[in-house]
Amino acid sequence: MKDFIPYKEALALKLLGFDELCFGYYDEEDIEQQVYEYANCSYNVTGDKACYNEGFLSVTNSQLDEYGAFGAKDDDGLECYERWTAPTFSQAFRFFREKYGLFISFVRYRKSVVIEMPDTFSKVYEIWIQDENKDESIWVGCFDSYEEAEIACLNKLIEIVKESK
């Protein structure tokens, strides 16, 4: 689904401390890296503990860790894989704003002239990341699609936070 951040970025957010309520989760063992809907899988994921948060079925990384994130066993009976939440892009960007003071100032669409063919235009999506403590942008990127800009921005936010630790 396009609304959820990808598998490896979701794991990176967990490692950075993301622990918000999510409707979906990822399973390390799933080679297709699909998002599982928590409401339909709560028994398999958290055993007998259904996580009703604020009145609806949802799960946090700490709940997955506590109630069965390591649910699969290898041949020796040892726990062998992990699960983590699948936040939406909106949740991920809010996490960076609230926890690290990093935010997207805006995504802008513009047409640009193709230098080799002056009568031809290409679409460009520009995105800016700002630190609330600085007056200028700390990163600017240009991309061919909105989705490409969004994922590149998320990866850059992850990189910035990792480097600052």
N, C-alpha and C. Protein backbone atom coordinates (compact mmCIF):
# COMPACT_ATOMS: atom_id res chain seq x y z
N MET A 1 0.84 -1.19 0.00
CA MET A 1 0.00 0.00 0.00
C MET A 1 0.88 1.24 0.00
N LYS A 2 0.47 2.21 -0.73
CA LYS A 2 1.25 3.43 -0.86
C LYS A 2 1.19 4.33 0.37
N ASP A 3 0.22 4.14 1.25
CA ASP A 3 0.09 5.00 2.42
C ASP A 3 1.09 4.66 3.52
N PHE A 4 1.58 3.43 3.53
CA PHE A 4 2.50 2.98 4.57
C PHE A 4 3.94 3.15 4.11
N ILE A 5 4.82 3.51 5.03
CA ILE A 5 6.22 3.62 4.66
C ILE A 5 6.77 2.21 4.41
N PRO A 6 7.77 2.09 3.57
CA PRO A 6 8.30 0.76 3.24
C PRO A 6 8.94 0.04 4.44
N TYR A 7 9.08 -1.24 4.24
CA TYR A 7 9.60 -2.21 5.22
C TYR A 7 10.88 -1.76 5.92
N LYS A 8 11.93 -1.48 5.16
CA LYS A 8 13.22 -1.17 5.80
C LYS A 8 13.19 0.19 6.50
N GLU A 9 12.43 1.15 5.97
CA GLU A 9 12.31 2.45 6.61
C GLU A 9 11.50 2.33 7.91
N ALA A 10 10.50 1.46 7.92
CA ALA A 10 9.72 1.24 9.15
C ALA A 10 10.61 0.64 10.25
N LEU A 11 11.47 -0.30 9.88
CA LEU A 11 12.41 -0.86 10.86
C LEU A 11 13.37 0.22 11.36
N ALA A 12 13.86 1.05 10.47
CA ALA A 12 14.76 2.14 10.88
C ALA A 12 14.06 3.08 11.85
N LEU A 13 12.78 3.37 11.62
CA LEU A 13 12.04 4.23 12.55
C LEU A 13 11.92 3.57 13.93
N LYS A 14 11.66 2.27 13.94
CA LYS A 14 11.59 1.57 15.22
C LYS A 14 12.92 1.73 15.97
N LEU A 15 14.02 1.56 15.26
CA LEU A 15 15.34 1.68 15.90
C LEU A 15 15.64 3.10 16.36
N LEU A 16 14.95 4.10 15.78
CA LEU A 16 15.10 5.49 16.21
C LEU A 16 14.14 5.86 17.34
N GLY A 17 13.29 4.90 17.74
CA GLY A 17 12.39 5.15 18.86
C GLY A 17 10.93 5.33 18.52
N PHE A 18 10.54 5.09 17.27
CA PHE A 18 9.12 5.21 16.91
C PHE A 18 8.31 4.16 17.66
N ASP A 19 7.28 4.59 18.38
CA ASP A 19 6.45 3.67 19.16
C ASP A 19 5.01 4.18 19.22
N GLU A 20 4.50 4.58 18.08
CA GLU A 20 3.14 5.12 17.99
C GLU A 20 2.16 4.02 17.56
N LEU A 21 0.87 4.29 17.77
CA LEU A 21 -0.17 3.34 17.37
C LEU A 21 -0.23 3.21 15.86
N CYS A 22 -0.27 1.98 15.38
CA CYS A 22 -0.36 1.71 13.95
C CYS A 22 -1.41 0.65 13.68
N PHE A 23 -2.01 0.70 12.51
CA PHE A 23 -2.99 -0.30 12.10
C PHE A 23 -2.35 -1.51 11.45
N GLY A 24 -1.10 -1.38 11.03
CA GLY A 24 -0.44 -2.48 10.34
C GLY A 24 0.94 -2.74 10.90
N TYR A 25 1.52 -3.84 10.45
CA TYR A 25 2.87 -4.21 10.89
C TYR A 25 3.56 -4.99 9.78
N TYR A 26 4.87 -5.09 9.90
CA TYR A 26 5.70 -5.89 9.00
C TYR A 26 6.22 -7.10 9.76
N ASP A 27 6.50 -8.14 9.00
CA ASP A 27 7.01 -9.38 9.55
C ASP A 27 8.34 -9.67 8.88
N GLU A 28 9.40 -9.79 9.67
CA GLU A 28 10.75 -9.99 9.14
C GLU A 28 10.84 -11.22 8.23
N GLU A 29 10.05 -12.22 8.51
CA GLU A 29 10.11 -13.47 7.76
C GLU A 29 9.46 -13.35 6.36
N ASP A 30 8.62 -12.34 6.15
CA ASP A 30 7.90 -12.19 4.90
C ASP A 30 8.80 -11.61 3.82
N ILE A 31 9.20 -12.42 2.86
CA ILE A 31 10.12 -11.94 1.82
C ILE A 31 9.45 -10.95 0.88
N GLU A 32 8.12 -10.93 0.83
CA GLU A 32 7.41 -9.97 -0.02
C GLU A 32 7.26 -8.62 0.66
N GLN A 33 7.56 -8.54 1.94
CA GLN A 33 7.55 -7.30 2.73
C GLN A 33 6.20 -6.60 2.68
N GLN A 34 5.14 -7.36 2.80
CA GLN A 34 3.81 -6.77 2.76
C GLN A 34 3.40 -6.26 4.14
N VAL A 35 2.44 -5.35 4.16
CA VAL A 35 1.88 -4.82 5.40
C VAL A 35 0.75 -5.75 5.82
N TYR A 36 0.79 -6.18 7.09
CA TYR A 36 -0.28 -6.99 7.65
C TYR A 36 -1.20 -6.09 8.47
N GLU A 37 -2.50 -6.27 8.31
CA GLU A 37 -3.46 -5.48 9.07
C GLU A 37 -3.58 -6.06 10.47
N TYR A 38 -3.27 -5.27 11.48
CA TYR A 38 -3.28 -5.77 12.85
C TYR A 38 -4.65 -6.28 13.27
N ALA A 39 -5.71 -5.60 12.92
CA ALA A 39 -7.05 -5.99 13.36
C ALA A 39 -7.42 -7.39 12.89
N ASN A 40 -6.89 -7.82 11.74
CA ASN A 40 -7.20 -9.15 11.22
C ASN A 40 -6.24 -10.22 11.70
N CYS A 41 -5.15 -9.83 12.35
CA CYS A 41 -4.12 -10.80 12.71
C CYS A 41 -3.72 -10.75 14.18
N SER A 42 -4.50 -10.10 15.03
CA SER A 42 -4.07 -9.86 16.40
C SER A 42 -3.77 -11.16 17.15
N TYR A 43 -4.54 -12.21 16.93
CA TYR A 43 -4.28 -13.45 17.67
C TYR A 43 -2.92 -14.03 17.27
N ASN A 44 -2.60 -14.00 15.98
CA ASN A 44 -1.34 -14.55 15.51
C ASN A 44 -0.14 -13.73 15.95
N VAL A 45 -0.33 -12.43 16.12
CA VAL A 45 0.79 -11.54 16.39
C VAL A 45 1.02 -11.35 17.87
N THR A 46 -0.03 -11.14 18.62
CA THR A 46 0.14 -10.84 20.04
C THR A 46 -0.50 -11.89 20.94
N GLY A 47 -0.60 -13.09 20.46
CA GLY A 47 -1.12 -14.17 21.28
C GLY A 47 -2.55 -13.89 21.71
N ASP A 48 -2.82 -14.06 22.98
CA ASP A 48 -4.17 -13.84 23.51
C ASP A 48 -4.42 -12.38 23.86
N LYS A 49 -3.46 -11.53 23.67
CA LYS A 49 -3.57 -10.12 24.06
C LYS A 49 -3.94 -9.28 22.85
N ALA A 50 -5.21 -8.89 22.74
CA ALA A 50 -5.62 -7.95 21.69
C ALA A 50 -5.34 -6.54 22.21
N CYS A 51 -4.71 -5.74 21.42
CA CYS A 51 -4.31 -4.39 21.84
C CYS A 51 -5.35 -3.38 21.39
N TYR A 52 -6.27 -3.04 22.30
CA TYR A 52 -7.24 -1.99 22.04
C TYR A 52 -6.65 -0.70 22.59
N ASN A 53 -6.26 0.17 21.72
CA ASN A 53 -5.68 1.45 22.10
C ASN A 53 -6.64 2.55 21.67
N GLU A 54 -7.01 3.37 22.61
CA GLU A 54 -7.96 4.47 22.34
C GLU A 54 -9.23 3.96 21.67
N GLY A 55 -9.65 2.76 22.06
CA GLY A 55 -10.91 2.21 21.59
C GLY A 55 -10.87 1.45 20.28
N PHE A 56 -9.72 1.35 19.64
CA PHE A 56 -9.67 0.59 18.39
C PHE A 56 -8.44 -0.32 18.39
N LEU A 57 -8.55 -1.37 17.61
CA LEU A 57 -7.44 -2.31 17.50
C LEU A 57 -6.28 -1.68 16.75
N SER A 58 -5.18 -1.57 17.42
CA SER A 58 -3.96 -1.03 16.84
C SER A 58 -2.81 -1.56 17.67
N VAL A 59 -1.60 -1.31 17.24
CA VAL A 59 -0.47 -1.88 17.96
C VAL A 59 0.72 -0.93 17.87
N THR A 60 1.56 -0.96 18.90
CA THR A 60 2.80 -0.19 18.91
C THR A 60 3.97 -1.16 18.85
N ASN A 61 5.14 -0.65 18.58
CA ASN A 61 6.33 -1.52 18.57
C ASN A 61 6.56 -2.14 19.95
N SER A 62 6.35 -1.37 21.01
CA SER A 62 6.57 -1.94 22.34
C SER A 62 5.56 -3.04 22.65
N GLN A 63 4.33 -2.92 22.15
CA GLN A 63 3.35 -4.00 22.34
C GLN A 63 3.74 -5.23 21.53
N LEU A 64 4.20 -5.03 20.31
CA LEU A 64 4.66 -6.18 19.52
C LEU A 64 5.82 -6.87 20.24
N ASP A 65 6.74 -6.09 20.79
CA ASP A 65 7.87 -6.68 21.51
C ASP A 65 7.40 -7.43 22.75
N GLU A 66 6.46 -6.85 23.49
CA GLU A 66 6.02 -7.46 24.74
C GLU A 66 5.13 -8.68 24.53
N TYR A 67 4.25 -8.62 23.53
CA TYR A 67 3.24 -9.67 23.39
C TYR A 67 3.45 -10.61 22.22
N GLY A 68 4.64 -10.69 21.69
CA GLY A 68 4.84 -11.73 20.71
C GLY A 68 5.46 -11.34 19.40
N ALA A 69 6.21 -10.26 19.35
CA ALA A 69 6.87 -9.91 18.10
C ALA A 69 7.78 -11.03 17.64
N PHE A 70 8.33 -11.75 18.57
CA PHE A 70 9.23 -12.84 18.24
C PHE A 70 8.46 -14.15 18.29
N GLY A 71 7.40 -14.23 17.50
CA GLY A 71 6.48 -15.35 17.60
C GLY A 71 6.93 -16.63 16.94
N ALA A 72 7.80 -16.56 15.96
CA ALA A 72 8.20 -17.78 15.26
C ALA A 72 9.37 -18.44 15.95
N LYS A 73 9.42 -19.72 15.86
CA LYS A 73 10.50 -20.49 16.46
C LYS A 73 11.27 -21.23 15.36
N ASP A 74 12.57 -21.33 15.55
CA ASP A 74 13.36 -22.11 14.60
C ASP A 74 13.31 -23.59 15.00
N ASP A 75 14.08 -24.43 14.33
CA ASP A 75 14.06 -25.88 14.60
C ASP A 75 14.47 -26.23 16.02
N ASP A 76 15.26 -25.37 16.67
CA ASP A 76 15.69 -25.61 18.04
C ASP A 76 14.74 -25.01 19.07
N GLY A 77 13.61 -24.44 18.61
CA GLY A 77 12.65 -23.84 19.53
C GLY A 77 13.01 -22.44 19.98
N LEU A 78 13.99 -21.83 19.33
CA LEU A 78 14.40 -20.47 19.69
C LEU A 78 13.64 -19.45 18.83
N GLU A 79 13.34 -18.31 19.45
CA GLU A 79 12.67 -17.26 18.69
C GLU A 79 13.60 -16.78 17.59
N CYS A 80 13.07 -16.58 16.38
CA CYS A 80 13.99 -16.33 15.28
C CYS A 80 13.67 -15.15 14.38
N TYR A 81 12.57 -14.46 14.55
CA TYR A 81 12.36 -13.28 13.72
C TYR A 81 11.51 -12.25 14.44
N GLU A 82 11.49 -11.08 13.88
CA GLU A 82 10.90 -9.92 14.53
C GLU A 82 9.76 -9.34 13.70
N ARG A 83 8.92 -8.56 14.35
CA ARG A 83 7.87 -7.80 13.69
C ARG A 83 7.96 -6.37 14.17
N TRP A 84 7.55 -5.43 13.32
CA TRP A 84 7.53 -4.02 13.71
C TRP A 84 6.38 -3.32 13.00
N THR A 85 5.96 -2.20 13.55
CA THR A 85 4.80 -1.50 13.02
C THR A 85 5.08 -0.90 11.64
N ALA A 86 3.98 -0.67 10.93
CA ALA A 86 4.02 -0.06 9.59
C ALA A 86 3.32 1.30 9.67
N PRO A 87 4.07 2.35 9.99
CA PRO A 87 3.45 3.68 10.07
C PRO A 87 3.11 4.23 8.68
N THR A 88 2.18 5.16 8.65
CA THR A 88 1.90 5.88 7.42
C THR A 88 2.97 6.96 7.25
N PHE A 89 3.05 7.53 6.06
CA PHE A 89 3.99 8.62 5.84
C PHE A 89 3.68 9.78 6.78
N SER A 90 2.41 10.06 6.98
CA SER A 90 2.01 11.15 7.87
C SER A 90 2.53 10.90 9.29
N GLN A 91 2.38 9.69 9.79
CA GLN A 91 2.88 9.36 11.13
C GLN A 91 4.40 9.49 11.21
N ALA A 92 5.09 9.04 10.17
CA ALA A 92 6.55 9.11 10.17
C ALA A 92 7.03 10.56 10.18
N PHE A 93 6.44 11.40 9.34
CA PHE A 93 6.87 12.79 9.28
C PHE A 93 6.52 13.52 10.59
N ARG A 94 5.38 13.19 11.20
CA ARG A 94 5.03 13.77 12.51
C ARG A 94 6.05 13.36 13.57
N PHE A 95 6.48 12.11 13.54
CA PHE A 95 7.50 11.60 14.48
C PHE A 95 8.77 12.44 14.38
N PHE A 96 9.25 12.72 13.18
CA PHE A 96 10.47 13.52 13.02
C PHE A 96 10.26 14.96 13.48
N ARG A 97 9.06 15.51 13.25
CA ARG A 97 8.77 16.88 13.71
C ARG A 97 8.77 16.94 15.23
N GLU A 98 8.03 16.02 15.86
CA GLU A 98 7.84 16.08 17.30
C GLU A 98 9.06 15.62 18.09
N LYS A 99 9.73 14.58 17.65
CA LYS A 99 10.85 14.04 18.42
C LYS A 99 12.19 14.72 18.11
N TYR A 100 12.39 15.11 16.86
CA TYR A 100 13.70 15.62 16.45
C TYR A 100 13.69 17.06 15.92
N GLY A 101 12.51 17.69 15.84
CA GLY A 101 12.44 19.06 15.35
C GLY A 101 12.77 19.20 13.88
N LEU A 102 12.63 18.13 13.11
CA LEU A 102 12.89 18.14 11.67
C LEU A 102 11.56 18.07 10.94
N PHE A 103 11.39 18.92 9.96
CA PHE A 103 10.13 18.90 9.24
C PHE A 103 10.32 19.23 7.77
N ILE A 104 9.32 18.83 7.00
CA ILE A 104 9.31 19.14 5.58
C ILE A 104 8.68 20.52 5.48
N SER A 105 9.39 21.46 4.90
CA SER A 105 8.80 22.79 4.79
C SER A 105 7.75 22.80 3.69
N PHE A 106 8.00 22.13 2.57
CA PHE A 106 6.96 21.91 1.56
C PHE A 106 7.48 21.05 0.42
N VAL A 107 6.53 20.49 -0.31
CA VAL A 107 6.82 19.80 -1.56
C VAL A 107 6.23 20.68 -2.64
N ARG A 108 7.03 21.02 -3.63
CA ARG A 108 6.57 21.92 -4.67
C ARG A 108 6.69 21.24 -6.03
N TYR A 109 5.65 21.39 -6.81
CA TYR A 109 5.66 20.87 -8.19
C TYR A 109 5.98 22.03 -9.12
N ARG A 110 6.83 21.79 -10.07
CA ARG A 110 7.10 22.80 -11.09
C ARG A 110 7.49 22.11 -12.39
N LYS A 111 7.34 22.83 -13.47
CA LYS A 111 7.80 22.36 -14.77
C LYS A 111 9.15 22.99 -15.02
N SER A 112 10.05 22.23 -15.57
CA SER A 112 11.35 22.79 -15.92
C SER A 112 11.66 22.50 -17.38
N VAL A 113 12.41 23.36 -17.98
CA VAL A 113 12.77 23.21 -19.38
C VAL A 113 13.89 22.17 -19.50
N VAL A 114 13.73 21.27 -20.45
CA VAL A 114 14.78 20.30 -20.74
C VAL A 114 15.81 21.02 -21.60
N ILE A 115 17.03 21.14 -21.11
CA ILE A 115 18.07 21.95 -21.75
C ILE A 115 18.34 21.51 -23.19
N GLU A 116 18.38 20.21 -23.42
CA GLU A 116 18.68 19.71 -24.76
C GLU A 116 17.55 20.00 -25.75
N MET A 117 16.31 20.14 -25.24
CA MET A 117 15.14 20.40 -26.09
C MET A 117 14.34 21.55 -25.49
N PRO A 118 14.65 22.79 -25.84
CA PRO A 118 14.06 23.96 -25.20
C PRO A 118 12.53 24.04 -25.24
N ASP A 119 11.88 23.37 -26.18
CA ASP A 119 10.42 23.40 -26.25
C ASP A 119 9.78 22.28 -25.42
N THR A 120 10.58 21.54 -24.69
CA THR A 120 10.10 20.41 -23.92
C THR A 120 10.22 20.71 -22.42
N PHE A 121 9.20 20.29 -21.68
CA PHE A 121 9.20 20.51 -20.24
C PHE A 121 9.21 19.17 -19.52
N SER A 122 9.79 19.15 -18.33
CA SER A 122 9.72 17.95 -17.49
C SER A 122 9.12 18.36 -16.15
N LYS A 123 8.51 17.39 -15.47
CA LYS A 123 7.94 17.64 -14.15
C LYS A 123 9.04 17.46 -13.11
N VAL A 124 9.03 18.32 -12.14
CA VAL A 124 9.99 18.22 -11.05
C VAL A 124 9.25 18.44 -9.74
N TYR A 125 9.52 17.58 -8.78
CA TYR A 125 8.98 17.73 -7.44
C TYR A 125 10.14 18.08 -6.52
N GLU A 126 10.05 19.24 -5.91
CA GLU A 126 11.10 19.70 -5.00
C GLU A 126 10.62 19.51 -3.56
N ILE A 127 11.53 19.12 -2.69
CA ILE A 127 11.17 18.93 -1.28
C ILE A 127 12.27 19.50 -0.40
N TRP A 128 11.89 20.14 0.67
CA TRP A 128 12.82 20.78 1.59
C TRP A 128 12.67 20.18 2.97
N ILE A 129 13.79 19.96 3.66
CA ILE A 129 13.78 19.58 5.07
C ILE A 129 14.39 20.74 5.85
N GLN A 130 13.74 21.09 6.94
CA GLN A 130 14.25 22.15 7.79
C GLN A 130 14.35 21.65 9.23
N ASP A 131 15.30 22.23 9.95
CA ASP A 131 15.47 22.00 11.38
C ASP A 131 14.83 23.19 12.07
N GLU A 132 13.98 22.94 13.06
CA GLU A 132 13.28 24.05 13.70
C GLU A 132 14.23 25.05 14.36
N ASN A 133 15.48 24.65 14.58
CA ASN A 133 16.46 25.53 15.22
C ASN A 133 17.33 26.29 14.22
N LYS A 134 17.07 26.13 12.93
CA LYS A 134 17.88 26.80 11.91
C LYS A 134 16.97 27.59 10.98
N ASP A 135 17.50 28.66 10.44
CA ASP A 135 16.70 29.52 9.57
C ASP A 135 16.68 29.07 8.12
N GLU A 136 17.55 28.17 7.76
CA GLU A 136 17.62 27.76 6.36
C GLU A 136 17.37 26.26 6.23
N SER A 137 17.07 25.84 5.00
CA SER A 137 16.85 24.41 4.75
C SER A 137 18.15 23.65 4.97
N ILE A 138 18.04 22.43 5.51
CA ILE A 138 19.23 21.61 5.70
C ILE A 138 19.38 20.57 4.60
N TRP A 139 18.33 20.44 3.75
CA TRP A 139 18.41 19.52 2.62
C TRP A 139 17.32 19.89 1.62
N VAL A 140 17.66 19.84 0.35
CA VAL A 140 16.71 20.08 -0.73
C VAL A 140 16.93 19.00 -1.77
N GLY A 141 15.85 18.42 -2.26
CA GLY A 141 15.96 17.40 -3.30
C GLY A 141 14.96 17.64 -4.41
N CYS A 142 15.27 17.20 -5.61
CA CYS A 142 14.39 17.31 -6.78
C CYS A 142 14.16 15.91 -7.36
N PHE A 143 12.91 15.59 -7.64
CA PHE A 143 12.56 14.23 -8.05
C PHE A 143 11.51 14.23 -9.15
N ASP A 144 11.39 13.09 -9.83
CA ASP A 144 10.47 12.96 -10.95
C ASP A 144 9.03 12.73 -10.54
N SER A 145 8.78 12.26 -9.32
CA SER A 145 7.42 12.01 -8.87
C SER A 145 7.28 12.40 -7.41
N TYR A 146 6.05 12.64 -7.01
CA TYR A 146 5.77 12.99 -5.61
C TYR A 146 6.20 11.85 -4.69
N GLU A 147 5.87 10.62 -5.09
CA GLU A 147 6.21 9.46 -4.27
C GLU A 147 7.72 9.29 -4.10
N GLU A 148 8.45 9.55 -5.18
CA GLU A 148 9.91 9.46 -5.12
C GLU A 148 10.46 10.53 -4.16
N ALA A 149 9.88 11.72 -4.20
CA ALA A 149 10.30 12.80 -3.29
C ALA A 149 10.01 12.43 -1.84
N GLU A 150 8.86 11.85 -1.61
CA GLU A 150 8.43 11.47 -0.27
C GLU A 150 9.37 10.43 0.35
N ILE A 151 9.69 9.37 -0.38
CA ILE A 151 10.55 8.32 0.16
C ILE A 151 11.99 8.81 0.30
N ALA A 152 12.45 9.64 -0.63
CA ALA A 152 13.81 10.18 -0.51
C ALA A 152 13.91 11.08 0.72
N CYS A 153 12.89 11.86 0.96
CA CYS A 153 12.86 12.73 2.14
C CYS A 153 12.87 11.90 3.42
N LEU A 154 12.08 10.85 3.47
CA LEU A 154 12.05 9.98 4.64
C LEU A 154 13.42 9.37 4.89
N ASN A 155 14.06 8.88 3.84
CA ASN A 155 15.40 8.29 3.99
C ASN A 155 16.42 9.33 4.45
N LYS A 156 16.29 10.55 3.96
CA LYS A 156 17.20 11.62 4.38
C LYS A 156 16.98 11.97 5.85
N LEU A 157 15.73 12.01 6.30
CA LEU A 157 15.43 12.27 7.71
C LEU A 157 16.06 11.18 8.59
N ILE A 158 15.93 9.93 8.18
CA ILE A 158 16.52 8.81 8.93
C ILE A 158 18.04 8.99 8.99
N GLU A 159 18.64 9.31 7.87
CA GLU A 159 20.10 9.50 7.80
C GLU A 159 20.55 10.66 8.72
N ILE A 160 19.82 11.77 8.68
CA ILE A 160 20.18 12.93 9.51
C ILE A 160 20.15 12.56 10.98
N VAL A 161 19.12 11.87 11.41
CA VAL A 161 19.01 11.49 12.83
C VAL A 161 20.08 10.50 13.21
N LYS A 162 20.33 9.49 12.37
CA LYS A 162 21.38 8.51 12.67
C LYS A 162 22.74 9.19 12.81
N GLU A 163 23.05 10.13 11.93
CA GLU A 163 24.33 10.84 11.98
C GLU A 163 24.47 11.72 13.21
N SER A 164 23.34 12.19 13.72
CA SER A 164 23.40 13.08 14.89
C SER A 164 23.54 12.31 16.20
N LYS A 165 23.38 11.00 16.16
CA LYS A 165 23.48 10.19 17.39
C LYS A 165 24.90 9.75 17.63
